[in-house]
């Protein structure tokens, strides 16, 4: 992910899980006009078990994430997503 060089303690990509790095690489690589915000999809069973997915609206690529990875994505997007024009949207 050579074109994305965030700085600061909360933006160090090496500290993120491999799944989150793969998602950010997919959504944030390349020129600004090629970057995207992934859509977070939630599937929940009646007993409260939920699974989360991130869908790239441009390519249709899908990623499954767990609760901790979703938290990482949200924190990264809050910290760097606006500046880099990429990340996830969950609302």
Protein backbone atom coordinates (compact mmCIF):
# COMPACT_ATOMS: atom_id res chain seq x y z
CA UNK A 1 0.00 0.00 0.00
CA UNK A 2 2.65 2.44 -1.09
CA UNK A 3 0.29 5.35 -1.77
CA UNK A 4 -1.22 5.37 1.74
CA UNK A 5 1.25 6.60 4.33
CA UNK A 6 -0.72 7.57 7.46
CA UNK A 7 1.20 8.73 10.50
CA UNK A 8 0.50 8.77 14.21
CA UNK A 9 0.02 6.04 16.79
CA UNK A 10 -3.56 5.17 15.78
CA UNK A 11 -2.80 5.06 12.06
CA UNK A 12 0.12 2.61 11.97
CA UNK A 13 -1.05 0.01 9.47
CA UNK A 14 1.42 -2.55 10.79
CA UNK A 15 -0.51 -2.64 14.07
CA UNK A 16 -3.76 -3.56 12.32
CA UNK A 17 -4.90 -7.13 11.70
CA UNK A 18 -4.08 -8.70 8.32
CA UNK A 19 -7.77 -8.66 7.33
CA UNK A 20 -8.09 -4.93 8.08
CA UNK A 21 -4.89 -4.19 6.15
CA UNK A 22 -6.25 -6.15 3.16
CA UNK A 23 -9.52 -4.20 3.25
CA UNK A 24 -7.75 -0.85 3.49
CA UNK A 25 -5.34 -1.83 0.73
CA UNK A 26 -8.31 -2.66 -1.51
CA UNK A 27 -10.28 0.49 -0.66
CA UNK A 28 -7.44 3.01 -0.30
CA UNK A 29 -4.85 2.17 -2.94
CA UNK A 30 -4.23 4.25 -6.00
CA UNK A 31 -5.26 7.77 -6.95
CA UNK A 32 -7.98 9.55 -4.97
CA UNK A 33 -10.59 9.06 -7.69
CA UNK A 34 -10.08 5.29 -7.44
CA UNK A 35 -10.52 5.10 -3.66
CA UNK A 36 -13.75 4.07 -2.02
CA UNK A 37 -15.72 3.69 1.20
CA UNK A 38 -16.73 0.10 1.88
CA UNK A 39 -20.24 -0.57 3.09
CA UNK A 40 -20.61 -2.52 6.34
CA UNK A 41 -23.29 -5.19 6.25
CA UNK A 42 -24.53 -6.91 9.39
CA UNK A 43 -26.20 -10.32 9.55
CA UNK A 44 -27.70 -11.23 12.94
CA UNK A 45 -29.46 -14.35 14.11
CA UNK A 46 -32.39 -14.17 16.50
CA UNK A 47 -30.18 -15.27 19.39
CA UNK A 48 -27.97 -12.21 18.86
CA UNK A 49 -25.02 -13.74 17.03
CA UNK A 50 -23.89 -11.28 14.36
CA UNK A 51 -21.48 -11.47 11.45
CA UNK A 52 -20.17 -8.40 9.67
CA UNK A 53 -19.05 -7.95 6.11
CA UNK A 54 -17.46 -5.11 4.18
CA UNK A 55 -18.59 -4.69 0.59
CA UNK A 56 -16.70 -2.60 -1.94
CA UNK A 57 -19.37 -0.74 -3.94
CA UNK A 58 -17.06 -0.32 -6.94
CA UNK A 59 -15.83 -3.88 -7.44
CA UNK A 60 -18.27 -5.97 -5.39
CA UNK A 61 -15.40 -7.55 -3.44
CA UNK A 62 -16.53 -8.79 -0.03
CA UNK A 63 -14.65 -9.24 3.23
CA UNK A 64 -15.90 -10.90 6.43
CA UNK A 65 -14.74 -9.25 9.67
CA UNK A 66 -15.17 -10.00 13.34
CA UNK A 67 -16.06 -7.52 16.08
CA UNK A 68 -12.46 -6.50 16.80
CA UNK A 69 -11.66 -6.01 13.11
CA UNK A 70 -14.78 -3.89 12.66
CA UNK A 71 -13.66 -1.76 15.61
CA UNK A 72 -10.21 -1.34 13.99
CA UNK A 73 -11.82 -0.29 10.71
CA UNK A 74 -14.04 2.24 12.42
CA UNK A 75 -11.16 3.73 14.40
CA UNK A 76 -8.93 3.92 11.33
CA UNK A 77 -11.70 5.52 9.25
CA UNK A 78 -12.43 8.07 11.99
CA UNK A 79 -8.73 8.94 12.25
CA UNK A 80 -7.64 8.88 8.59
CA UNK A 81 -10.56 8.11 6.30
CA UNK A 82 -11.64 11.69 5.60
CA UNK A 83 -8.12 12.80 4.74
CA UNK A 84 -7.46 9.78 2.50
CA UNK A 85 -10.99 9.56 1.03
CA UNK A 86 -11.46 5.91 1.91
CA UNK A 87 -12.41 3.52 4.71
CA UNK A 88 -15.76 2.12 5.79
CA UNK A 89 -19.24 3.49 6.35
CA UNK A 90 -21.40 1.78 8.92
CA UNK A 91 -24.44 4.01 9.20
